[in-house]
Amino acid sequence: MEAQAHLKYLRISPRKVGIVLDLIRNKPVGLAIGILQHTPKSASWHLLRLLNSAISNAVNVHNMQASKLFVSECFACPGPTLKRVQPVSKGRGHRILKRSSHVTIVLTDFKEEESNGAEDKS
C-alpha cells in the first residue's frame, strides 16, 4: 500500500527542487521532516507542506501508521515554462525562461518494503 501527494505548477525549477528531494529520498518521514525544516533552500518549505499532505493521505485514506512510513519515491518533472524577454544593448532582447515543476512524493510502509525485498531475493 502506498500513499502519494502531488504539487503542481511550483514556480521553482525542477533542478533546484531535485537537490532537496535527493536529501529525503528513502528516509523515514520523521527524519525527512527534520531535514526539510533545517535545509536553507526555497523549495524546502513547499516540500515540507507536500510531505505533510502525503502523511495525512496515508493516515486518513489508507489507514497506515505515520510512524512506519518512509519516502519511497520522490521526483520533480518539468512544468510549463514562462518565456520572458530581458532588454539588452543595441535594442536586442534575450530570452528568460521561468521554469516550473510538478512534484510527487510517494510514501510506503516499512513492512511492505521488506516483504517486496524478500520476494525479489527468492
C-alpha atoms as a PDB file:
ATOM      1  CA  MET A   1       0.000   0.000   0.000  1.00  0.00           C
ATOM      2  CA  GLU A   2       1.335   3.421  -0.840  1.00  0.00           C
ATOM      3  CA  ALA A   3       0.122   6.970  -0.392  1.00  0.00           C
ATOM      4  CA  GLN A   4       1.103   9.887  -2.558  1.00  0.00           C
ATOM      5  CA  ALA A   5       0.702  13.626  -2.905  1.00  0.00           C
ATOM      6  CA  HIS A   6       1.256  15.924  -5.874  1.00  0.00           C
ATOM      7  CA  LEU A   7       2.262  19.566  -6.080  1.00  0.00           C
ATOM      8  CA  LYS A   8       1.742  21.119  -9.490  1.00  0.00           C
ATOM      9  CA  TYR A   9       2.942  24.384 -11.000  1.00  0.00           C
ATOM     10  CA  LEU A  10       5.593  25.077  -8.334  1.00  0.00           C
ATOM     11  CA  ARG A  11       7.485  28.156  -9.570  1.00  0.00           C
ATOM     12  CA  ILE A  12      10.930  26.691  -8.841  1.00  0.00           C
ATOM     13  CA  SER A  13      12.961  24.874 -11.488  1.00  0.00           C
ATOM     14  CA  PRO A  14      12.983  21.053 -11.317  1.00  0.00           C
ATOM     15  CA  ARG A  15      16.764  21.040 -10.962  1.00  0.00           C
ATOM     16  CA  LYS A  16      16.626  23.109  -7.759  1.00  0.00           C
ATOM     17  CA  VAL A  17      13.744  21.041  -6.350  1.00  0.00           C
ATOM     18  CA  GLY A  18      15.616  17.820  -7.174  1.00  0.00           C
ATOM     19  CA  ILE A  19      18.532  18.856  -4.966  1.00  0.00           C
ATOM     20  CA  VAL A  20      16.248  18.932  -1.925  1.00  0.00           C
ATOM     21  CA  LEU A  21      14.355  15.785  -2.955  1.00  0.00           C
ATOM     22  CA  ASP A  22      17.651  13.864  -3.054  1.00  0.00           C
ATOM     23  CA  LEU A  23      18.108  14.646   0.658  1.00  0.00           C
ATOM     24  CA  ILE A  24      14.838  12.974   1.729  1.00  0.00           C
ATOM     25  CA  ARG A  25      14.604  10.016  -0.669  1.00  0.00           C
ATOM     26  CA  ASN A  26      14.446   6.605   1.142  1.00  0.00           C
ATOM     27  CA  LYS A  27      14.294   8.245   4.588  1.00  0.00           C
ATOM     28  CA  PRO A  28      11.689   7.726   7.348  1.00  0.00           C
ATOM     29  CA  VAL A  29       9.136  10.542   7.444  1.00  0.00           C
ATOM     30  CA  GLY A  30      10.289  11.807  10.854  1.00  0.00           C
ATOM     31  CA  LEU A  31      13.838  12.225   9.593  1.00  0.00           C
ATOM     32  CA  ALA A  32      12.615  13.723   6.296  1.00  0.00           C
ATOM     33  CA  ILE A  33      10.578  16.365   8.149  1.00  0.00           C
ATOM     34  CA  GLY A  34      13.637  17.289  10.234  1.00  0.00           C
ATOM     35  CA  ILE A  35      15.811  17.561   7.126  1.00  0.00           C
ATOM     36  CA  LEU A  36      13.288  19.795   5.342  1.00  0.00           C
ATOM     37  CA  GLN A  37      12.851  22.051   8.386  1.00  0.00           C
ATOM     38  CA  HIS A  38      16.601  22.705   8.577  1.00  0.00           C
ATOM     39  CA  THR A  39      17.511  22.940   4.890  1.00  0.00           C
ATOM     40  CA  PRO A  40      18.050  26.557   3.759  1.00  0.00           C
ATOM     41  CA  LYS A  41      16.540  26.178   0.275  1.00  0.00           C
ATOM     42  CA  SER A  42      13.437  27.895  -1.076  1.00  0.00           C
ATOM     43  CA  ALA A  43      11.918  24.553  -2.110  1.00  0.00           C
ATOM     44  CA  SER A  44      12.142  23.128   1.424  1.00  0.00           C
ATOM     45  CA  TRP A  45       9.045  24.895   2.738  1.00  0.00           C
ATOM     46  CA  HIS A  46       6.925  23.760  -0.212  1.00  0.00           C
ATOM     47  CA  LEU A  47       8.195  20.183   0.042  1.00  0.00           C
ATOM     48  CA  LEU A  48       7.509  20.117   3.788  1.00  0.00           C
ATOM     49  CA  ARG A  49       3.877  21.032   3.119  1.00  0.00           C
ATOM     50  CA  LEU A  50       3.700  18.362   0.408  1.00  0.00           C
ATOM     51  CA  LEU A  51       5.207  15.721   2.710  1.00  0.00           C
ATOM     52  CA  ASN A  52       2.704  16.589   5.443  1.00  0.00           C
ATOM     53  CA  SER A  53      -0.083  16.223   2.882  1.00  0.00           C
ATOM     54  CA  ALA A  54       1.215  12.788   1.840  1.00  0.00           C
ATOM     55  CA  ILE A  55       1.379  11.707   5.508  1.00  0.00           C
ATOM     56  CA  SER A  56      -2.183  12.906   6.013  1.00  0.00           C
ATOM     57  CA  ASN A  57      -3.310  10.959   2.930  1.00  0.00           C
ATOM     58  CA  ALA A  58      -1.617   7.817   4.239  1.00  0.00           C
ATOM     59  CA  VAL A  59      -3.181   8.069   7.678  1.00  0.00           C
ATOM     60  CA  ASN A  60      -6.696   9.200   6.748  1.00  0.00           C
ATOM     61  CA  VAL A  61      -7.302   7.500   3.403  1.00  0.00           C
ATOM     62  CA  HIS A  62      -5.169   4.340   3.512  1.00  0.00           C
ATOM     63  CA  ASN A  63      -5.265   3.696   7.315  1.00  0.00           C
ATOM     64  CA  MET A  64      -1.467   3.489   7.589  1.00  0.00           C
ATOM     65  CA  GLN A  65       0.532   4.324  10.719  1.00  0.00           C
ATOM     66  CA  ALA A  66       2.540   7.551  10.431  1.00  0.00           C
ATOM     67  CA  SER A  67       5.436   6.128  12.467  1.00  0.00           C
ATOM     68  CA  LYS A  68       6.011   3.292   9.961  1.00  0.00           C
ATOM     69  CA  LEU A  69       6.148   5.403   6.793  1.00  0.00           C
ATOM     70  CA  PHE A  70       9.142   6.288   4.678  1.00  0.00           C
ATOM     71  CA  VAL A  71       9.663   8.227   1.446  1.00  0.00           C
ATOM     72  CA  SER A  72       9.920   5.505  -1.199  1.00  0.00           C
ATOM     73  CA  GLU A  73       9.736   7.778  -4.255  1.00  0.00           C
ATOM     74  CA  CYS A  74      10.032  11.492  -4.844  1.00  0.00           C
ATOM     75  CA  PHE A  75      10.621  13.262  -8.120  1.00  0.00           C
ATOM     76  CA  ALA A  76      10.145  16.582  -9.890  1.00  0.00           C
ATOM     77  CA  CYS A  77       9.014  16.789 -13.502  1.00  0.00           C
ATOM     78  CA  PRO A  78       9.200  20.000 -15.539  1.00  0.00           C
ATOM     79  CA  GLY A  79       6.008  22.004 -15.735  1.00  0.00           C
ATOM     80  CA  PRO A  80       5.184  24.795 -18.171  1.00  0.00           C
ATOM     81  CA  THR A  81       7.882  27.381 -18.803  1.00  0.00           C
ATOM     82  CA  LEU A  82       7.075  31.092 -18.883  1.00  0.00           C
ATOM     83  CA  LYS A  83       9.037  32.852 -21.609  1.00  0.00           C
ATOM     84  CA  ARG A  84      10.053  36.448 -20.938  1.00  0.00           C
ATOM     85  CA  VAL A  85      12.358  38.968 -22.638  1.00  0.00           C
ATOM     86  CA  GLN A  86      15.179  40.899 -20.967  1.00  0.00           C
ATOM     87  CA  PRO A  87      16.225  44.059 -22.852  1.00  0.00           C
ATOM     88  CA  VAL A  88      19.951  44.260 -23.605  1.00  0.00           C
ATOM     89  CA  SER A  89      22.201  46.628 -25.502  1.00  0.00           C
ATOM     90  CA  LYS A  90      21.666  47.779 -29.116  1.00  0.00           C
ATOM     91  CA  GLY A  91      17.911  47.210 -28.951  1.00  0.00           C
ATOM     92  CA  ARG A  92      18.158  43.470 -28.628  1.00  0.00           C
ATOM     93  CA  GLY A  93      16.364  41.147 -26.251  1.00  0.00           C
ATOM     94  CA  HIS A  94      17.493  37.997 -24.515  1.00  0.00           C
ATOM     95  CA  ARG A  95      15.065  35.265 -23.592  1.00  0.00           C
ATOM     96  CA  ILE A  96      14.476  34.493 -19.910  1.00  0.00           C
ATOM     97  CA  LEU A  97      12.951  31.098 -19.078  1.00  0.00           C
ATOM     98  CA  LYS A  98      10.970  30.978 -15.839  1.00  0.00           C
ATOM     99  CA  ARG A  99      10.661  27.281 -15.161  1.00  0.00           C
ATOM    100  CA  SER A 100       8.096  25.467 -13.026  1.00  0.00           C
ATOM    101  CA  SER A 101       7.841  21.968 -11.548  1.00  0.00           C
ATOM    102  CA  HIS A 102       5.347  19.213 -10.867  1.00  0.00           C
ATOM    103  CA  VAL A 103       6.482  17.369  -7.703  1.00  0.00           C
ATOM    104  CA  THR A 104       5.318  13.941  -6.478  1.00  0.00           C
ATOM    105  CA  ILE A 105       6.064  12.247  -3.142  1.00  0.00           C
ATOM    106  CA  VAL A 106       5.161   8.571  -2.548  1.00  0.00           C
ATOM    107  CA  LEU A 107       5.140   7.054   0.961  1.00  0.00           C
ATOM    108  CA  THR A 108       5.260   3.313   1.761  1.00  0.00           C
ATOM    109  CA  ASP A 109       5.143   1.167   4.898  1.00  0.00           C
ATOM    110  CA  PHE A 110       8.366  -0.399   6.208  1.00  0.00           C
ATOM    111  CA  LYS A 111       6.714  -3.855   6.331  1.00  0.00           C
ATOM    112  CA  GLU A 112       5.632  -3.756   2.694  1.00  0.00           C
ATOM    113  CA  GLU A 113       9.114  -2.789   1.505  1.00  0.00           C
ATOM    114  CA  GLU A 114      10.690  -5.651   3.482  1.00  0.00           C
ATOM    115  CA  SER A 115       8.259  -8.219   2.048  1.00  0.00           C
ATOM    116  CA  ASN A 116       8.908  -6.993  -1.513  1.00  0.00           C
ATOM    117  CA  GLY A 117      12.651  -7.341  -0.954  1.00  0.00           C
ATOM    118  CA  ALA A 118      12.240 -10.927   0.321  1.00  0.00           C
ATOM    119  CA  GLU A 119      10.253 -11.914  -2.774  1.00  0.00           C
ATOM    120  CA  ASP A 120      12.863 -10.468  -5.116  1.00  0.00           C
ATOM    121  CA  LYS A 121      15.724 -12.414  -3.495  1.00  0.00           C
ATOM    122  CA  SER A 122      13.987 -15.810  -3.817  1.00  0.00           C
END
